[in-house]
C-alpha atoms as a PDB file:
ATOM      1  CA  MET A   1       5.112   8.669 -16.826  1.00  0.00           C
ATOM      2  CA  ASP A   2       6.918   5.687 -18.432  1.00  0.00           C
ATOM      3  CA  LYS A   3       5.965   1.821 -17.492  1.00  0.00           C
ATOM      4  CA  LYS A   4       9.447   1.331 -15.872  1.00  0.00           C
ATOM      5  CA  SER A   5       8.828   4.375 -13.382  1.00  0.00           C
ATOM      6  CA  LEU A   6       5.097   3.605 -12.754  1.00  0.00           C
ATOM      7  CA  ILE A   7       6.113   0.339 -11.704  1.00  0.00           C
ATOM      8  CA  LEU A   8       9.050   1.497  -9.439  1.00  0.00           C
ATOM      9  CA  ALA A   9       6.739   4.156  -8.035  1.00  0.00           C
ATOM     10  CA  GLN A  10       3.941   1.764  -6.993  1.00  0.00           C
ATOM     11  CA  LEU A  11       6.785  -0.676  -5.320  1.00  0.00           C
ATOM     12  CA  MET A  12       7.548   2.340  -2.953  1.00  0.00           C
ATOM     13  CA  MET A  13       4.650   3.646  -2.326  1.00  0.00           C
ATOM     14  CA  THR A  14       3.443   0.348  -1.453  1.00  0.00           C
ATOM     15  CA  PHE A  15       6.404  -0.718   0.002  1.00  0.00           C
ATOM     16  CA  MET A  16       5.645   2.619   2.513  1.00  0.00           C
ATOM     17  CA  MET A  17       1.833   2.216   2.815  1.00  0.00           C
ATOM     18  CA  ALA A  18       2.390  -1.422   3.770  1.00  0.00           C
ATOM     19  CA  LEU A  19       5.151  -0.823   6.047  1.00  0.00           C
ATOM     20  CA  LEU A  20       2.731   1.638   7.883  1.00  0.00           C
ATOM     21  CA  MET A  21      -0.671   0.576   7.631  1.00  0.00           C
ATOM     22  CA  SER A  22       0.219  -2.787   8.894  1.00  0.00           C
ATOM     23  CA  GLY A  23       2.607  -1.578  12.313  1.00  0.00           C
ATOM     24  CA  ILE A  24      -0.437   1.041  12.903  1.00  0.00           C
ATOM     25  CA  MET A  25      -3.038  -1.298  12.689  1.00  0.00           C
ATOM     26  CA  SER A  26      -1.384  -4.130  14.612  1.00  0.00           C
ATOM     27  CA  MET A  27       0.034  -2.017  16.713  1.00  0.00           C
ATOM     28  CA  LEU A  28      -3.668  -0.828  17.550  1.00  0.00           C
ATOM     29  CA  ALA A  29      -4.828  -4.675  17.899  1.00  0.00           C
ATOM     30  CA  LEU A  30      -1.892  -5.655  20.244  1.00  0.00           C
ATOM     31  CA  GLY A  31      -0.547  -2.432  21.742  1.00  0.00           C
ATOM     32  CA  PRO A  32       2.414  -1.322  21.622  1.00  0.00           C
ATOM     33  CA  THR A  33       4.279  -4.850  23.412  1.00  0.00           C
ATOM     34  CA  GLU A  34       6.652  -7.608  22.195  1.00  0.00           C
ATOM     35  CA  ILE A  35       4.391  -9.754  20.736  1.00  0.00           C
ATOM     36  CA  TRP A  36       3.248  -6.533  17.950  1.00  0.00           C
ATOM     37  CA  LEU A  37       7.263  -6.321  17.222  1.00  0.00           C
ATOM     38  CA  ARG A  38       7.057  -9.931  16.714  1.00  0.00           C
ATOM     39  CA  ASN A  39       4.190 -10.154  14.358  1.00  0.00           C
ATOM     40  CA  TRP A  40       4.396  -6.267  12.542  1.00  0.00           C
ATOM     41  CA  PRO A  41       7.416  -8.008   9.821  1.00  0.00           C
ATOM     42  CA  LYS A  42       5.318 -11.537   9.308  1.00  0.00           C
ATOM     43  CA  ASP A  43       2.501  -8.944   8.619  1.00  0.00           C
ATOM     44  CA  PHE A  44       4.588  -6.251   6.468  1.00  0.00           C
ATOM     45  CA  LEU A  45       5.564  -9.400   4.765  1.00  0.00           C
ATOM     46  CA  ILE A  46       1.550  -9.739   3.575  1.00  0.00           C
ATOM     47  CA  ALA A  47       0.802  -6.869   3.204  1.00  0.00           C
ATOM     48  CA  TRP A  48       3.327  -5.476   0.394  1.00  0.00           C
ATOM     49  CA  PRO A  49       2.945  -7.866  -2.193  1.00  0.00           C
ATOM     50  CA  LEU A  50      -1.085  -7.995  -1.724  1.00  0.00           C
ATOM     51  CA  ALA A  51      -0.780  -4.144  -1.847  1.00  0.00           C
ATOM     52  CA  PHE A  52       1.388  -4.100  -5.007  1.00  0.00           C
ATOM     53  CA  VAL A  53      -0.956  -6.313  -7.096  1.00  0.00           C
ATOM     54  CA  LEU A  54      -4.017  -4.738  -6.045  1.00  0.00           C
ATOM     55  CA  THR A  55      -3.032  -1.139  -6.736  1.00  0.00           C
ATOM     56  CA  PHE A  56      -1.484  -2.684 -10.017  1.00  0.00           C
ATOM     57  CA  CYS A  57      -5.265  -3.643 -10.304  1.00  0.00           C
ATOM     58  CA  VAL A  58      -7.199  -1.049  -9.179  1.00  0.00           C
ATOM     59  CA  SER A  59      -4.897   2.020 -10.962  1.00  0.00           C
ATOM     60  CA  ARG A  60      -6.687   0.828 -14.590  1.00  0.00           C
ATOM     61  CA  ILE A  61      -9.752   1.785 -12.968  1.00  0.00           C
ATOM     62  CA  VAL A  62      -8.650   4.867 -10.671  1.00  0.00           C
ATOM     63  CA  PHE A  63      -6.693   6.989 -12.873  1.00  0.00           C
ATOM     64  CA  PRO A  64      -9.178   7.080 -15.905  1.00  0.00           C
ATOM     65  CA  ALA A  65     -11.908   8.097 -13.568  1.00  0.00           C
ATOM     66  CA  ALA A  66      -9.669  10.583 -11.217  1.00  0.00           C
ATOM     67  CA  ALA A  67      -9.106  12.166 -14.759  1.00  0.00           C
ATOM     68  CA  ARG A  68     -12.875  12.547 -15.620  1.00  0.00           C
ATOM     69  CA  LEU A  69     -13.298  13.771 -12.571  1.00  0.00           C
ATOM     70  CA  ALA A  70     -10.753  16.640 -12.316  1.00  0.00           C
ATOM     71  CA  ARG A  71     -12.598  18.075 -15.259  1.00  0.00           C
ATOM     72  CA  TYR A  72     -15.818  18.602 -12.728  1.00  0.00           C
ATOM     73  CA  ILE A  73     -13.774  19.956  -9.989  1.00  0.00           C
END
């Protein structure tokens, strides 16, 4: 995969995962309340950049490890 496609895929994947995970985890903590709805956007705006940076760093370890592991499965 070329670098441009990889970055776009990471942006899209981390957007969706940060949106869903921040919403689910904050709703579990706060319940489906007005407070939860007010806090979710802020939680998402914190989670998305973190998710992008962390997946960018971790992918350099995970992709080669997955390729090696796939040979044994």
